[in-house]
Amino acid sequence: MRDVRDEEPGQRQQRPEDDPGTGVVTAFGRQLKLLRVRAGLDRVEFGRRVGYSADTVASIEQGRRIPQARFIERADEVLGAGGLLVALKEEVAKAQYPAFFRDMARLEARATALNLYAMYAVPGLLQTEEYARAVFHMQRPLLTDEVIEQRLEARMVRQEIFCRRPAPLMSFVIEEAVLRRPIGGAKVMRETLGQILVTSQSRNVEVQVMPIQREDNAALGGPFSLIDTDKGQRLAYAEVQDHSRIYTDAAYVRTLEARYGILRSQALTPSESLAFIEQLMGDT
């Protein structure tokens, strides 16, 4: 079987650590509160020292909000925890993402190269904050405001990959229909197109558009990603309807590599794509 991390639909949603208030997030919050009380700090003073509001500290301690890495590091330092909180950082980070995306988030953060084909929405790595917010708001069943903010923060953190050194090589092939779909409204879409243009100026990033008018399309089977890991492996990832798979079988990964190569040859070139997006911005 090619898929080594696949689970039955819905199986991952039943894991207790998926929701804020349970699992590692709750354990972290309880540990944080114990250390804060031991240090003789109320939430207001502790929040002042770490640079967060007392309400945010309360949400983290109660397991209702997932702390970011910078909070964990600062809290560990302020409370003299000796690495006790930092030791939980990686596990807490996983909880930022829906269960079906956690394996991919871990691989993406350490990837040396990414190749991604998008046919439903602008890839998360290229989304503006407002575009991402609109995507989360339209999700059904409805997400709570707190979960939306958590996932939004996590999505923005993912984009730190563009600041990594050495920089990973990244290629995106995006269906034209994705760039024409005004998710969040015309203003949000125009800003998103602008961000795609800015990001594509980086030497390690190439963006290509697959025109609607093309008769041939090598990837009508759905979106997918190819990931070169920091351990020298090439893997593939695909998701649909909150259900994901990571493929490790070399023969199948080579099939998707060939498919992506053909897809790139069918799409507009990077320079043609930038001109197309600039024109689209003017029309939006």
C-alpha atoms as a PDB file:
ATOM      1  CA  MET A   1       0.000   0.000   0.000  1.00  0.00           C
ATOM      2  CA  ARG A   2       1.413   3.372  -0.979  1.00  0.00           C
ATOM      3  CA  ASP A   3      -0.157   5.297   1.856  1.00  0.00           C
ATOM      4  CA  VAL A   4       1.544   4.838   5.199  1.00  0.00           C
ATOM      5  CA  ARG A   5      -0.218   7.535   7.227  1.00  0.00           C
ATOM      6  CA  ASP A   6      -3.752   7.193   5.964  1.00  0.00           C
ATOM      7  CA  GLU A   7      -6.671   6.776   8.355  1.00  0.00           C
ATOM      8  CA  GLU A   8     -10.350   6.177   7.850  1.00  0.00           C
ATOM      9  CA  PRO A   9     -12.417   9.336   7.267  1.00  0.00           C
ATOM     10  CA  GLY A  10     -13.283  10.908  10.597  1.00  0.00           C
ATOM     11  CA  GLN A  11     -10.857   8.786  12.569  1.00  0.00           C
ATOM     12  CA  ARG A  12      -8.439  11.657  13.190  1.00  0.00           C
ATOM     13  CA  GLN A  13     -11.270  13.968  14.295  1.00  0.00           C
ATOM     14  CA  GLN A  14     -11.920  11.672  17.246  1.00  0.00           C
ATOM     15  CA  ARG A  15      -8.446  12.039  18.724  1.00  0.00           C
ATOM     16  CA  PRO A  16      -8.757  13.901  22.059  1.00  0.00           C
ATOM     17  CA  GLU A  17      -5.752  16.132  21.455  1.00  0.00           C
ATOM     18  CA  ASP A  18      -7.347  17.639  18.344  1.00  0.00           C
ATOM     19  CA  ASP A  19      -9.410  20.205  20.246  1.00  0.00           C
ATOM     20  CA  PRO A  20      -8.239  23.060  22.451  1.00  0.00           C
ATOM     21  CA  GLY A  21      -8.916  22.188  26.075  1.00  0.00           C
ATOM     22  CA  THR A  22      -7.666  18.626  25.841  1.00  0.00           C
ATOM     23  CA  GLY A  23      -4.438  16.691  25.461  1.00  0.00           C
ATOM     24  CA  VAL A  24      -1.071  18.374  25.326  1.00  0.00           C
ATOM     25  CA  VAL A  25      -2.582  21.882  25.186  1.00  0.00           C
ATOM     26  CA  THR A  26      -4.330  21.389  28.529  1.00  0.00           C
ATOM     27  CA  ALA A  27      -1.229  19.780  30.042  1.00  0.00           C
ATOM     28  CA  PHE A  28       0.881  22.757  28.966  1.00  0.00           C
ATOM     29  CA  GLY A  29      -1.639  25.224  30.396  1.00  0.00           C
ATOM     30  CA  ARG A  30      -1.732  23.496  33.757  1.00  0.00           C
ATOM     31  CA  GLN A  31       2.046  23.339  33.933  1.00  0.00           C
ATOM     32  CA  LEU A  32       2.294  27.023  33.033  1.00  0.00           C
ATOM     33  CA  LYS A  33      -0.147  28.008  35.784  1.00  0.00           C
ATOM     34  CA  LEU A  34       1.690  25.928  38.399  1.00  0.00           C
ATOM     35  CA  LEU A  35       4.996  27.561  37.478  1.00  0.00           C
ATOM     36  CA  ARG A  36       3.479  31.051  37.438  1.00  0.00           C
ATOM     37  CA  VAL A  37       1.860  30.623  40.864  1.00  0.00           C
ATOM     38  CA  ARG A  38       5.081  29.163  42.246  1.00  0.00           C
ATOM     39  CA  ALA A  39       6.919  32.251  40.979  1.00  0.00           C
ATOM     40  CA  GLY A  40       4.432  34.480  42.849  1.00  0.00           C
ATOM     41  CA  LEU A  41       3.188  36.252  39.716  1.00  0.00           C
ATOM     42  CA  ASP A  42      -0.411  37.113  38.945  1.00  0.00           C
ATOM     43  CA  ARG A  43      -1.568  36.966  35.331  1.00  0.00           C
ATOM     44  CA  VAL A  44      -1.268  40.712  34.801  1.00  0.00           C
ATOM     45  CA  GLU A  45       2.348  40.899  35.932  1.00  0.00           C
ATOM     46  CA  PHE A  46       3.330  37.682  34.169  1.00  0.00           C
ATOM     47  CA  GLY A  47       1.645  38.889  30.994  1.00  0.00           C
ATOM     48  CA  ARG A  48       3.540  42.170  31.198  1.00  0.00           C
ATOM     49  CA  ARG A  49       6.854  40.345  31.480  1.00  0.00           C
ATOM     50  CA  VAL A  50       6.223  38.018  28.533  1.00  0.00           C
ATOM     51  CA  GLY A  51       4.500  40.652  26.383  1.00  0.00           C
ATOM     52  CA  TYR A  52       0.950  39.264  26.364  1.00  0.00           C
ATOM     53  CA  SER A  53      -2.335  40.344  27.934  1.00  0.00           C
ATOM     54  CA  ALA A  54      -3.692  38.757  31.095  1.00  0.00           C
ATOM     55  CA  ASP A  55      -6.665  37.482  29.077  1.00  0.00           C
ATOM     56  CA  THR A  56      -4.325  35.685  26.672  1.00  0.00           C
ATOM     57  CA  VAL A  57      -2.431  34.142  29.582  1.00  0.00           C
ATOM     58  CA  ALA A  58      -5.727  32.949  31.059  1.00  0.00           C
ATOM     59  CA  SER A  59      -6.782  31.400  27.738  1.00  0.00           C
ATOM     60  CA  ILE A  60      -3.477  29.536  27.470  1.00  0.00           C
ATOM     61  CA  GLU A  61      -3.599  28.311  31.063  1.00  0.00           C
ATOM     62  CA  GLN A  62      -7.142  27.060  30.566  1.00  0.00           C
ATOM     63  CA  GLY A  63      -6.216  25.210  27.378  1.00  0.00           C
ATOM     64  CA  ARG A  64      -8.447  27.419  25.225  1.00  0.00           C
ATOM     65  CA  ARG A  65      -5.602  28.961  23.229  1.00  0.00           C
ATOM     66  CA  ILE A  66      -2.542  27.294  21.738  1.00  0.00           C
ATOM     67  CA  PRO A  67       0.635  29.257  22.558  1.00  0.00           C
ATOM     68  CA  GLN A  68       3.129  30.158  19.874  1.00  0.00           C
ATOM     69  CA  ALA A  69       6.794  29.220  20.160  1.00  0.00           C
ATOM     70  CA  ARG A  70       7.879  32.742  21.139  1.00  0.00           C
ATOM     71  CA  PHE A  71       5.449  32.731  24.085  1.00  0.00           C
ATOM     72  CA  ILE A  72       6.699  29.338  25.276  1.00  0.00           C
ATOM     73  CA  GLU A  73      10.339  30.399  25.085  1.00  0.00           C
ATOM     74  CA  ARG A  74       9.724  33.679  26.891  1.00  0.00           C
ATOM     75  CA  ALA A  75       7.545  32.056  29.556  1.00  0.00           C
ATOM     76  CA  ASP A  76      10.191  29.412  30.224  1.00  0.00           C
ATOM     77  CA  GLU A  77      12.767  32.166  30.702  1.00  0.00           C
ATOM     78  CA  VAL A  78      10.602  34.431  32.884  1.00  0.00           C
ATOM     79  CA  LEU A  79       9.479  31.562  35.126  1.00  0.00           C
ATOM     80  CA  GLY A  80      12.934  30.005  35.373  1.00  0.00           C
ATOM     81  CA  ALA A  81      11.485  26.721  34.160  1.00  0.00           C
ATOM     82  CA  GLY A  82      14.852  25.408  33.002  1.00  0.00           C
ATOM     83  CA  GLY A  83      13.526  24.131  29.707  1.00  0.00           C
ATOM     84  CA  LEU A  84      10.465  22.391  31.155  1.00  0.00           C
ATOM     85  CA  LEU A  85       8.067  24.419  28.999  1.00  0.00           C
ATOM     86  CA  VAL A  86      10.352  24.519  25.972  1.00  0.00           C
ATOM     87  CA  ALA A  87      10.448  20.714  26.011  1.00  0.00           C
ATOM     88  CA  LEU A  88       6.735  20.743  25.115  1.00  0.00           C
ATOM     89  CA  LYS A  89       7.144  23.260  22.290  1.00  0.00           C
ATOM     90  CA  GLU A  90       7.163  20.800  19.386  1.00  0.00           C
ATOM     91  CA  GLU A  91       4.145  18.856  20.649  1.00  0.00           C
ATOM     92  CA  VAL A  92       2.205  22.043  21.340  1.00  0.00           C
ATOM     93  CA  ALA A  93       3.047  23.320  17.854  1.00  0.00           C
ATOM     94  CA  LYS A  94       1.396  20.287  16.272  1.00  0.00           C
ATOM     95  CA  ALA A  95      -1.881  21.158  17.983  1.00  0.00           C
ATOM     96  CA  GLN A  96      -2.083  24.442  16.031  1.00  0.00           C
ATOM     97  CA  TYR A  97      -3.186  22.543  12.956  1.00  0.00           C
ATOM     98  CA  PRO A  98      -6.198  20.361  12.192  1.00  0.00           C
ATOM     99  CA  ALA A  99      -5.280  16.718  12.677  1.00  0.00           C
ATOM    100  CA  PHE A 100      -5.258  15.868   8.961  1.00  0.00           C
ATOM    101  CA  PHE A 101      -2.567  18.514   8.261  1.00  0.00           C
ATOM    102  CA  ARG A 102      -0.160  17.932  11.137  1.00  0.00           C
ATOM    103  CA  ASP A 103       2.179  15.518   9.379  1.00  0.00           C
ATOM    104  CA  MET A 104       2.404  17.836   6.379  1.00  0.00           C
ATOM    105  CA  ALA A 105       3.050  20.883   8.586  1.00  0.00           C
ATOM    106  CA  ARG A 106       6.007  19.101  10.163  1.00  0.00           C
ATOM    107  CA  LEU A 107       7.445  18.101   6.780  1.00  0.00           C
ATOM    108  CA  GLU A 108       6.828  21.526   5.250  1.00  0.00           C
ATOM    109  CA  ALA A 109       8.658  23.330   8.064  1.00  0.00           C
ATOM    110  CA  ARG A 110      11.836  21.327   7.358  1.00  0.00           C
ATOM    111  CA  ALA A 111      11.543  20.861   3.603  1.00  0.00           C
ATOM    112  CA  THR A 112      14.410  21.679   1.262  1.00  0.00           C
ATOM    113  CA  ALA A 113      12.036  21.917  -1.712  1.00  0.00           C
ATOM    114  CA  LEU A 114       8.269  22.136  -2.243  1.00  0.00           C
ATOM    115  CA  ASN A 115       6.253  21.737  -5.444  1.00  0.00           C
ATOM    116  CA  LEU A 116       2.538  22.420  -5.105  1.00  0.00           C
ATOM    117  CA  TYR A 117      -0.441  22.233  -7.451  1.00  0.00           C
ATOM    118  CA  ALA A 118      -3.525  24.227  -6.346  1.00  0.00           C
ATOM    119  CA  MET A 119      -6.954  23.980  -7.930  1.00  0.00           C
ATOM    120  CA  TYR A 120      -9.415  25.011  -5.176  1.00  0.00           C
ATOM    121  CA  ALA A 121      -7.906  27.959  -3.290  1.00  0.00           C
ATOM    122  CA  VAL A 122      -4.727  30.003  -3.108  1.00  0.00           C
ATOM    123  CA  PRO A 123      -2.103  27.865  -1.311  1.00  0.00           C
ATOM    124  CA  GLY A 124      -1.828  28.632   2.402  1.00  0.00           C
ATOM    125  CA  LEU A 125       1.790  29.717   2.008  1.00  0.00           C
ATOM    126  CA  LEU A 126       0.685  32.473  -0.394  1.00  0.00           C
ATOM    127  CA  GLN A 127      -2.456  33.650   1.397  1.00  0.00           C
ATOM    128  CA  THR A 128      -2.830  37.048   3.032  1.00  0.00           C
ATOM    129  CA  GLU A 129      -4.208  37.137   6.553  1.00  0.00           C
ATOM    130  CA  GLU A 130      -7.599  38.394   5.370  1.00  0.00           C
ATOM    131  CA  TYR A 131      -7.852  35.770   2.625  1.00  0.00           C
ATOM    132  CA  ALA A 132      -7.058  33.040   5.139  1.00  0.00           C
ATOM    133  CA  ARG A 133      -9.602  34.470   7.569  1.00  0.00           C
ATOM    134  CA  ALA A 134     -12.268  34.377   4.859  1.00  0.00           C
ATOM    135  CA  VAL A 135     -11.407  30.741   4.082  1.00  0.00           C
ATOM    136  CA  PHE A 136     -11.771  29.762   7.730  1.00  0.00           C
ATOM    137  CA  HIS A 137     -15.021  31.718   8.126  1.00  0.00           C
ATOM    138  CA  MET A 138     -16.686  29.867   5.263  1.00  0.00           C
ATOM    139  CA  GLN A 139     -15.728  26.420   6.552  1.00  0.00           C
ATOM    140  CA  ARG A 140     -18.621  24.096   7.412  1.00  0.00           C
ATOM    141  CA  PRO A 141     -19.364  23.008  10.091  1.00  0.00           C
ATOM    142  CA  LEU A 142     -18.661  26.485  11.424  1.00  0.00           C
ATOM    143  CA  LEU A 143     -15.456  27.007  13.371  1.00  0.00           C
ATOM    144  CA  THR A 144     -15.552  28.972  16.615  1.00  0.00           C
ATOM    145  CA  ASP A 145     -13.962  32.420  16.622  1.00  0.00           C
ATOM    146  CA  GLU A 146     -11.216  31.121  18.900  1.00  0.00           C
ATOM    147  CA  VAL A 147     -10.344  28.220  16.600  1.00  0.00           C
ATOM    148  CA  ILE A 148     -10.337  30.579  13.608  1.00  0.00           C
ATOM    149  CA  GLU A 149      -7.823  32.852  15.345  1.00  0.00           C
ATOM    150  CA  GLN A 150      -5.643  29.893  16.316  1.00  0.00           C
ATOM    151  CA  ARG A 151      -5.586  28.487  12.797  1.00  0.00           C
ATOM    152  CA  LEU A 152      -5.044  31.929  11.315  1.00  0.00           C
ATOM    153  CA  GLU A 153      -2.025  32.508  13.539  1.00  0.00           C
ATOM    154  CA  ALA A 154      -0.658  29.073  12.646  1.00  0.00           C
ATOM    155  CA  ARG A 155      -1.083  29.728   8.918  1.00  0.00           C
ATOM    156  CA  MET A 156       0.796  32.994   9.140  1.00  0.00           C
ATOM    157  CA  VAL A 157       3.594  31.284  11.081  1.00  0.00           C
ATOM    158  CA  ARG A 158       3.939  28.771   8.232  1.00  0.00           C
ATOM    159  CA  GLN A 159       4.946  31.621   5.959  1.00  0.00           C
ATOM    160  CA  GLU A 160       8.160  32.065   7.939  1.00  0.00           C
ATOM    161  CA  ILE A 161       9.468  29.401   5.562  1.00  0.00           C
ATOM    162  CA  PHE A 162      10.194  32.248   3.133  1.00  0.00           C
ATOM    163  CA  CYS A 163      12.678  33.709   5.629  1.00  0.00           C
ATOM    164  CA  ARG A 164      14.565  30.458   6.181  1.00  0.00           C
ATOM    165  CA  ARG A 165      18.227  30.171   5.283  1.00  0.00           C
ATOM    166  CA  PRO A 166      19.168  28.225   3.316  1.00  0.00           C
ATOM    167  CA  ALA A 167      15.978  28.990   1.462  1.00  0.00           C
ATOM    168  CA  PRO A 168      13.971  26.018   0.182  1.00  0.00           C
ATOM    169  CA  LEU A 169      13.180  25.884  -3.532  1.00  0.00           C
ATOM    170  CA  MET A 170       9.440  26.388  -4.083  1.00  0.00           C
ATOM    171  CA  SER A 171       7.246  25.986  -7.123  1.00  0.00           C
ATOM    172  CA  PHE A 172       3.501  26.658  -7.324  1.00  0.00           C
ATOM    173  CA  VAL A 173       1.154  25.835 -10.199  1.00  0.00           C
ATOM    174  CA  ILE A 174      -2.205  27.514  -9.607  1.00  0.00           C
ATOM    175  CA  GLU A 175      -5.371  27.114 -11.639  1.00  0.00           C
ATOM    176  CA  GLU A 176      -6.607  30.356 -13.183  1.00  0.00           C
ATOM    177  CA  ALA A 177     -10.054  29.784 -11.643  1.00  0.00           C
ATOM    178  CA  VAL A 178      -8.467  29.994  -8.182  1.00  0.00           C
ATOM    179  CA  LEU A 179      -7.128  33.465  -8.933  1.00  0.00           C
ATOM    180  CA  ARG A 180     -10.491  34.627 -10.263  1.00  0.00           C
ATOM    181  CA  ARG A 181     -12.549  33.353  -7.319  1.00  0.00           C
ATOM    182  CA  PRO A 182     -13.057  36.464  -5.106  1.00  0.00           C
ATOM    183  CA  ILE A 183     -12.778  34.789  -1.714  1.00  0.00           C
ATOM    184  CA  GLY A 184     -13.212  37.516   0.901  1.00  0.00           C
ATOM    185  CA  GLY A 185     -14.304  40.042  -1.733  1.00  0.00           C
ATOM    186  CA  ALA A 186     -12.570  42.029  -4.466  1.00  0.00           C
ATOM    187  CA  LYS A 187     -10.286  44.021  -2.128  1.00  0.00           C
ATOM    188  CA  VAL A 188      -9.032  40.917  -0.311  1.00  0.00           C
ATOM    189  CA  MET A 189      -8.467  39.119  -3.606  1.00  0.00           C
ATOM    190  CA  ARG A 190      -6.535  42.036  -5.059  1.00  0.00           C
ATOM    191  CA  GLU A 191      -4.274  42.140  -1.989  1.00  0.00           C
ATOM    192  CA  THR A 192      -3.748  38.390  -2.260  1.00  0.00           C
ATOM    193  CA  LEU A 193      -2.762  38.667  -5.904  1.00  0.00           C
ATOM    194  CA  GLY A 194      -0.334  41.400  -4.889  1.00  0.00           C
ATOM    195  CA  GLN A 195       1.200  39.165  -2.254  1.00  0.00           C
ATOM    196  CA  ILE A 196       1.623  36.376  -4.789  1.00  0.00           C
ATOM    197  CA  LEU A 197       3.457  38.808  -7.068  1.00  0.00           C
ATOM    198  CA  VAL A 198       5.750  39.988  -4.281  1.00  0.00           C
ATOM    199  CA  THR A 199       6.526  36.462  -3.113  1.00  0.00           C
ATOM    200  CA  SER A 200       7.266  35.295  -6.636  1.00  0.00           C
ATOM    201  CA  GLN A 201      10.025  37.908  -6.905  1.00  0.00           C
ATOM    202  CA  SER A 202      12.159  35.745  -4.602  1.00  0.00           C
ATOM    203  CA  ARG A 203      14.834  33.801  -6.455  1.00  0.00           C
ATOM    204  CA  ASN A 204      13.797  30.532  -4.820  1.00  0.00           C
ATOM    205  CA  VAL A 205      10.088  30.854  -5.694  1.00  0.00           C
ATOM    206  CA  GLU A 206       8.357  30.251  -9.028  1.00  0.00           C
ATOM    207  CA  VAL A 207       4.633  30.719  -9.601  1.00  0.00           C
ATOM    208  CA  GLN A 208       2.856  29.473 -12.709  1.00  0.00           C
ATOM    209  CA  VAL A 209      -0.768  29.837 -13.762  1.00  0.00           C
ATOM    210  CA  MET A 210      -2.679  27.056 -15.507  1.00  0.00           C
ATOM    211  CA  PRO A 211      -5.061  28.854 -17.913  1.00  0.00           C
ATOM    212  CA  ILE A 212      -8.696  27.801 -18.111  1.00  0.00           C
ATOM    213  CA  GLN A 213      -8.349  27.797 -21.908  1.00  0.00           C
ATOM    214  CA  ARG A 214      -5.807  24.952 -21.907  1.00  0.00           C
ATOM    215  CA  GLU A 215      -7.235  21.801 -23.466  1.00  0.00           C
ATOM    216  CA  ASP A 216      -4.682  19.563 -21.741  1.00  0.00           C
ATOM    217  CA  ASN A 217      -4.243  19.234 -17.995  1.00  0.00           C
ATOM    218  CA  ALA A 218      -2.102  16.442 -16.554  1.00  0.00           C
ATOM    219  CA  ALA A 219      -3.490  16.698 -13.019  1.00  0.00           C
ATOM    220  CA  LEU A 220      -7.270  16.583 -13.151  1.00  0.00           C
ATOM    221  CA  GLY A 221      -7.113  13.964 -10.402  1.00  0.00           C
ATOM    222  CA  GLY A 222      -6.782  16.729  -7.828  1.00  0.00           C
ATOM    223  CA  PRO A 223      -4.258  18.933  -6.005  1.00  0.00           C
ATOM    224  CA  PHE A 224      -1.055  17.512  -4.562  1.00  0.00           C
ATOM    225  CA  SER A 225       2.364  18.492  -3.249  1.00  0.00           C
ATOM    226  CA  LEU A 226       5.860  17.077  -3.611  1.00  0.00           C
ATOM    227  CA  ILE A 227       8.176  17.529  -0.643  1.00  0.00           C
ATOM    228  CA  ASP A 228      11.946  17.100  -0.507  1.00  0.00           C
ATOM    229  CA  THR A 229      12.712  16.445   3.153  1.00  0.00           C
ATOM    230  CA  ASP A 230      15.758  17.478   5.137  1.00  0.00           C
ATOM    231  CA  LYS A 231      16.701  13.791   5.206  1.00  0.00           C
ATOM    232  CA  GLY A 232      16.990  13.531   1.424  1.00  0.00           C
ATOM    233  CA  GLN A 233      13.627  11.852   0.779  1.00  0.00           C
ATOM    234  CA  ARG A 234      11.019  12.915  -1.730  1.00  0.00           C
ATOM    235  CA  LEU A 235       7.448  12.415  -0.532  1.00  0.00           C
ATOM    236  CA  ALA A 236       4.046  13.354  -1.882  1.00  0.00           C
ATOM    237  CA  TYR A 237       1.023  14.760  -0.080  1.00  0.00           C
ATOM    238  CA  ALA A 238      -2.632  15.038  -1.052  1.00  0.00           C
ATOM    239  CA  GLU A 239      -5.735  16.103   0.831  1.00  0.00           C
ATOM    240  CA  VAL A 240      -9.437  16.404   0.162  1.00  0.00           C
ATOM    241  CA  GLN A 241     -12.391  17.039   2.462  1.00  0.00           C
ATOM    242  CA  ASP A 242     -10.306  17.107   5.665  1.00  0.00           C
ATOM    243  CA  HIS A 243      -8.729  13.776   4.777  1.00  0.00           C
ATOM    244  CA  SER A 244      -5.041  13.531   3.900  1.00  0.00           C
ATOM    245  CA  ARG A 245      -2.390  11.089   2.716  1.00  0.00           C
ATOM    246  CA  ILE A 246       1.374  11.133   2.655  1.00  0.00           C
ATOM    247  CA  TYR A 247       2.890   8.865   0.023  1.00  0.00           C
ATOM    248  CA  THR A 248       6.336   7.351   0.457  1.00  0.00           C
ATOM    249  CA  ASP A 249       6.271   4.647  -2.226  1.00  0.00           C
ATOM    250  CA  ALA A 250       9.033   5.647  -4.665  1.00  0.00           C
ATOM    251  CA  ALA A 251       7.207   4.396  -7.773  1.00  0.00           C
ATOM    252  CA  TYR A 252       4.075   6.383  -7.017  1.00  0.00           C
ATOM    253  CA  VAL A 253       6.021   9.498  -6.044  1.00  0.00           C
ATOM    254  CA  ARG A 254       7.825   9.294  -9.404  1.00  0.00           C
ATOM    255  CA  THR A 255       4.424   9.172 -11.108  1.00  0.00           C
ATOM    256  CA  LEU A 256       3.431  12.400  -9.388  1.00  0.00           C
ATOM    257  CA  GLU A 257       6.807  13.946 -10.226  1.00  0.00           C
ATOM    258  CA  ALA A 258       6.194  13.214 -13.907  1.00  0.00           C
ATOM    259  CA  ARG A 259       2.663  14.565 -13.624  1.00  0.00           C
ATOM    260  CA  TYR A 260       3.929  17.796 -12.051  1.00  0.00           C
ATOM    261  CA  GLY A 261       6.593  18.195 -14.712  1.00  0.00           C
ATOM    262  CA  ILE A 262       4.010  17.874 -17.484  1.00  0.00           C
ATOM    263  CA  LEU A 263       1.726  20.260 -15.626  1.00  0.00           C
ATOM    264  CA  ARG A 264       4.457  22.897 -15.520  1.00  0.00           C
ATOM    265  CA  SER A 265       5.046  22.529 -19.248  1.00  0.00           C
ATOM    266  CA  GLN A 266       1.322  23.038 -19.902  1.00  0.00           C
ATOM    267  CA  ALA A 267       1.016  26.110 -17.674  1.00  0.00           C
ATOM    268  CA  LEU A 268       2.106  29.651 -18.463  1.00  0.00           C
ATOM    269  CA  THR A 269       5.807  30.270 -17.875  1.00  0.00           C
ATOM    270  CA  PRO A 270       6.742  32.102 -14.654  1.00  0.00           C
ATOM    271  CA  SER A 271       7.197  35.419 -16.487  1.00  0.00           C
ATOM    272  CA  GLU A 272       3.941  34.956 -18.439  1.00  0.00           C
ATOM    273  CA  SER A 273       2.204  34.078 -15.187  1.00  0.00           C
ATOM    274  CA  LEU A 274       3.390  37.252 -13.454  1.00  0.00           C
ATOM    275  CA  ALA A 275       2.130  39.345 -16.357  1.00  0.00           C
ATOM    276  CA  PHE A 276      -1.189  37.484 -16.209  1.00  0.00           C
ATOM    277  CA  ILE A 277      -1.568  38.117 -12.449  1.00  0.00           C
ATOM    278  CA  GLU A 278      -0.720  41.805 -12.898  1.00  0.00           C
ATOM    279  CA  GLN A 279      -3.420  42.095 -15.540  1.00  0.00           C
ATOM    280  CA  LEU A 280      -5.859  40.238 -13.309  1.00  0.00           C
ATOM    281  CA  MET A 281      -5.141  42.669 -10.471  1.00  0.00           C
ATOM    282  CA  GLY A 282      -6.085  45.534 -12.742  1.00  0.00           C
ATOM    283  CA  ASP A 283      -9.389  43.848 -13.578  1.00  0.00           C
ATOM    284  CA  THR A 284     -10.271  42.976  -9.977  1.00  0.00           C
END
